[in-house]
Amino acid sequence: MNIALPTDWTDFMILMIFQLGITKAKQFKKVIAALKKNNWKEAIVQVRDSNWDRQTPKRVNDMISTLTNGYVLIPC
């Protein structure tokens, strides 16, 4: 994915790709489209409207919290 992102969103995408794999992450077309437009709120809405969020809600909530609250998430 060739998108210029702020550091927090870069970190988010790295964790997303780590969990889902690059092939699955590329299927988040609406998230990617929102990120290309710097529409951070819409990207979060689209992440929330995904099987990924329904299947691993705690992880996704933690990752979104890093974006909205500004703290650093260190995966264990």
N, C-alpha and C. Protein backbone atom coordinates (compact mmCIF):
# COMPACT_ATOMS: atom_id res chain seq x y z
N MET A 1 0.85 -1.17 0.00
CA MET A 1 0.00 0.00 0.00
C MET A 1 0.90 1.23 0.00
N ASN A 2 0.76 1.99 -1.01
CA ASN A 2 1.60 3.17 -1.15
C ASN A 2 0.80 4.42 -0.77
N ILE A 3 0.67 4.64 0.53
CA ILE A 3 -0.10 5.76 1.05
C ILE A 3 0.78 6.50 2.06
N ALA A 4 0.89 7.81 1.90
CA ALA A 4 1.61 8.62 2.89
C ALA A 4 0.68 8.84 4.08
N LEU A 5 1.08 8.35 5.24
CA LEU A 5 0.24 8.43 6.43
C LEU A 5 1.02 9.04 7.59
N PRO A 6 0.30 9.68 8.53
CA PRO A 6 0.95 10.11 9.76
C PRO A 6 1.43 8.87 10.54
N THR A 7 2.34 9.07 11.45
CA THR A 7 2.95 7.97 12.19
C THR A 7 1.92 7.09 12.89
N ASP A 8 0.92 7.69 13.52
CA ASP A 8 -0.06 6.88 14.24
C ASP A 8 -0.82 5.94 13.31
N TRP A 9 -1.17 6.43 12.13
CA TRP A 9 -1.87 5.58 11.17
C TRP A 9 -0.93 4.56 10.54
N THR A 10 0.31 4.92 10.36
CA THR A 10 1.30 3.94 9.87
C THR A 10 1.41 2.79 10.86
N ASP A 11 1.51 3.12 12.14
CA ASP A 11 1.58 2.08 13.18
C ASP A 11 0.32 1.22 13.17
N PHE A 12 -0.83 1.85 13.03
CA PHE A 12 -2.10 1.12 12.96
C PHE A 12 -2.08 0.12 11.81
N MET A 13 -1.67 0.58 10.63
CA MET A 13 -1.67 -0.29 9.46
C MET A 13 -0.65 -1.42 9.60
N ILE A 14 0.49 -1.15 10.22
CA ILE A 14 1.48 -2.20 10.44
C ILE A 14 0.88 -3.30 11.31
N LEU A 15 0.21 -2.91 12.39
CA LEU A 15 -0.41 -3.91 13.27
C LEU A 15 -1.54 -4.66 12.56
N MET A 16 -2.29 -3.94 11.75
CA MET A 16 -3.37 -4.57 10.99
C MET A 16 -2.81 -5.61 10.03
N ILE A 17 -1.77 -5.23 9.29
CA ILE A 17 -1.15 -6.15 8.33
C ILE A 17 -0.50 -7.32 9.05
N PHE A 18 0.09 -7.07 10.21
CA PHE A 18 0.69 -8.15 11.00
C PHE A 18 -0.36 -9.19 11.37
N GLN A 19 -1.55 -8.70 11.78
CA GLN A 19 -2.60 -9.63 12.20
C GLN A 19 -3.27 -10.31 11.01
N LEU A 20 -3.61 -9.55 9.98
CA LEU A 20 -4.43 -10.07 8.89
C LEU A 20 -3.63 -10.57 7.69
N GLY A 21 -2.43 -10.05 7.52
CA GLY A 21 -1.66 -10.32 6.31
C GLY A 21 -1.94 -9.24 5.28
N ILE A 22 -0.99 -9.03 4.40
CA ILE A 22 -1.11 -7.95 3.41
C ILE A 22 -2.27 -8.20 2.45
N THR A 23 -2.47 -9.44 2.05
CA THR A 23 -3.54 -9.75 1.09
C THR A 23 -4.91 -9.39 1.67
N LYS A 24 -5.16 -9.79 2.89
CA LYS A 24 -6.45 -9.48 3.54
C LYS A 24 -6.57 -7.98 3.81
N ALA A 25 -5.50 -7.35 4.25
CA ALA A 25 -5.54 -5.91 4.54
C ALA A 25 -5.87 -5.11 3.28
N LYS A 26 -5.40 -5.55 2.14
CA LYS A 26 -5.69 -4.85 0.88
C LYS A 26 -7.17 -4.93 0.49
N GLN A 27 -7.91 -5.85 1.10
CA GLN A 27 -9.34 -5.97 0.82
C GLN A 27 -10.17 -4.90 1.53
N PHE A 28 -9.55 -4.14 2.41
CA PHE A 28 -10.24 -3.06 3.11
C PHE A 28 -10.25 -1.81 2.22
N LYS A 29 -10.91 -1.93 1.08
CA LYS A 29 -10.87 -0.88 0.06
C LYS A 29 -11.44 0.45 0.55
N LYS A 30 -12.51 0.41 1.33
CA LYS A 30 -13.10 1.66 1.83
C LYS A 30 -12.20 2.32 2.87
N VAL A 31 -11.52 1.52 3.67
CA VAL A 31 -10.56 2.07 4.64
C VAL A 31 -9.42 2.74 3.88
N ILE A 32 -8.88 2.04 2.89
CA ILE A 32 -7.77 2.57 2.11
C ILE A 32 -8.18 3.84 1.38
N ALA A 33 -9.38 3.85 0.80
CA ALA A 33 -9.86 5.05 0.11
C ALA A 33 -9.96 6.23 1.07
N ALA A 34 -10.47 5.99 2.27
CA ALA A 34 -10.58 7.06 3.27
C ALA A 34 -9.20 7.56 3.68
N LEU A 35 -8.26 6.65 3.86
CA LEU A 35 -6.90 7.05 4.24
C LEU A 35 -6.24 7.89 3.15
N LYS A 36 -6.48 7.54 1.90
CA LYS A 36 -5.90 8.31 0.79
C LYS A 36 -6.43 9.74 0.78
N LYS A 37 -7.65 9.94 1.32
CA LYS A 37 -8.26 11.28 1.38
C LYS A 37 -8.01 11.96 2.73
N ASN A 38 -7.19 11.32 3.58
CA ASN A 38 -6.94 11.83 4.94
C ASN A 38 -8.23 11.97 5.74
N ASN A 39 -9.19 11.12 5.45
CA ASN A 39 -10.46 11.12 6.16
C ASN A 39 -10.39 10.06 7.26
N TRP A 40 -9.77 10.45 8.37
CA TRP A 40 -9.49 9.52 9.46
C TRP A 40 -10.77 8.98 10.10
N LYS A 41 -11.76 9.84 10.26
CA LYS A 41 -13.02 9.40 10.87
C LYS A 41 -13.70 8.32 10.03
N GLU A 42 -13.72 8.52 8.73
CA GLU A 42 -14.34 7.53 7.85
C GLU A 42 -13.56 6.22 7.85
N ALA A 43 -12.26 6.31 7.93
CA ALA A 43 -11.44 5.09 8.00
C ALA A 43 -11.81 4.28 9.24
N ILE A 44 -12.00 4.97 10.36
CA ILE A 44 -12.39 4.28 11.60
C ILE A 44 -13.78 3.68 11.46
N VAL A 45 -14.71 4.42 10.86
CA VAL A 45 -16.06 3.90 10.64
C VAL A 45 -15.99 2.61 9.81
N GLN A 46 -15.17 2.61 8.79
CA GLN A 46 -15.06 1.43 7.92
C GLN A 46 -14.39 0.26 8.63
N VAL A 47 -13.41 0.54 9.48
CA VAL A 47 -12.79 -0.53 10.27
C VAL A 47 -13.84 -1.13 11.20
N ARG A 48 -14.64 -0.27 11.82
CA ARG A 48 -15.69 -0.74 12.73
C ARG A 48 -16.72 -1.61 12.02
N ASP A 49 -16.93 -1.35 10.75
CA ASP A 49 -17.92 -2.10 9.97
C ASP A 49 -17.24 -3.26 9.24
N SER A 50 -16.50 -4.06 9.97
CA SER A 50 -15.76 -5.16 9.35
C SER A 50 -15.84 -6.43 10.19
N ASN A 51 -15.65 -7.55 9.54
CA ASN A 51 -15.56 -8.82 10.27
C ASN A 51 -14.38 -8.80 11.23
N TRP A 52 -13.31 -8.14 10.85
CA TRP A 52 -12.13 -8.04 11.70
C TRP A 52 -12.52 -7.45 13.06
N ASP A 53 -13.29 -6.37 13.06
CA ASP A 53 -13.73 -5.75 14.31
C ASP A 53 -14.66 -6.68 15.08
N ARG A 54 -15.55 -7.35 14.39
CA ARG A 54 -16.48 -8.26 15.06
C ARG A 54 -15.76 -9.49 15.63
N GLN A 55 -14.70 -9.93 14.96
CA GLN A 55 -13.99 -11.13 15.40
C GLN A 55 -12.95 -10.85 16.48
N THR A 56 -12.32 -9.68 16.44
CA THR A 56 -11.30 -9.34 17.44
C THR A 56 -11.55 -7.93 17.97
N PRO A 57 -12.70 -7.72 18.62
CA PRO A 57 -13.07 -6.36 19.02
C PRO A 57 -12.11 -5.71 20.01
N LYS A 58 -11.56 -6.46 20.94
CA LYS A 58 -10.65 -5.84 21.92
C LYS A 58 -9.40 -5.30 21.22
N ARG A 59 -8.83 -6.10 20.35
CA ARG A 59 -7.63 -5.65 19.64
C ARG A 59 -7.92 -4.41 18.81
N VAL A 60 -9.01 -4.45 18.05
CA VAL A 60 -9.35 -3.30 17.21
C VAL A 60 -9.66 -2.08 18.08
N ASN A 61 -10.39 -2.27 19.17
CA ASN A 61 -10.66 -1.15 20.09
C ASN A 61 -9.37 -0.55 20.61
N ASP A 62 -8.43 -1.40 21.03
CA ASP A 62 -7.15 -0.90 21.52
C ASP A 62 -6.40 -0.13 20.44
N MET A 63 -6.42 -0.65 19.23
CA MET A 63 -5.72 0.02 18.14
C MET A 63 -6.36 1.36 17.81
N ILE A 64 -7.69 1.41 17.80
CA ILE A 64 -8.37 2.68 17.52
C ILE A 64 -8.14 3.66 18.66
N SER A 65 -8.07 3.17 19.89
CA SER A 65 -7.79 4.05 21.03
C SER A 65 -6.44 4.74 20.88
N THR A 66 -5.47 4.05 20.30
CA THR A 66 -4.16 4.69 20.10
C THR A 66 -4.29 5.87 19.15
N LEU A 67 -5.20 5.76 18.19
CA LEU A 67 -5.40 6.85 17.23
C LEU A 67 -6.14 8.01 17.87
N THR A 68 -7.15 7.72 18.66
CA THR A 68 -8.02 8.77 19.19
C THR A 68 -7.52 9.36 20.50
N ASN A 69 -6.75 8.58 21.26
CA ASN A 69 -6.26 9.07 22.56
C ASN A 69 -4.79 9.43 22.56
N GLY A 70 -4.09 9.04 21.51
CA GLY A 70 -2.71 9.45 21.36
C GLY A 70 -1.68 8.68 22.17
N TYR A 71 -2.07 7.58 22.82
CA TYR A 71 -1.05 6.82 23.52
C TYR A 71 -0.48 5.74 22.61
N VAL A 72 0.65 5.20 22.99
CA VAL A 72 1.34 4.21 22.16
C VAL A 72 0.96 2.81 22.61
N LEU A 73 0.56 1.99 21.67
CA LEU A 73 0.21 0.60 21.94
C LEU A 73 1.40 -0.27 21.62
N ILE A 74 1.83 -1.04 22.60
CA ILE A 74 2.92 -1.99 22.38
C ILE A 74 2.32 -3.38 22.43
N PRO A 75 2.25 -4.06 21.27
CA PRO A 75 1.65 -5.39 21.28
C PRO A 75 2.48 -6.38 22.06
N CYS A 76 1.82 -7.32 22.76
CA CYS A 76 2.57 -8.34 23.49
C CYS A 76 2.34 -9.70 22.87
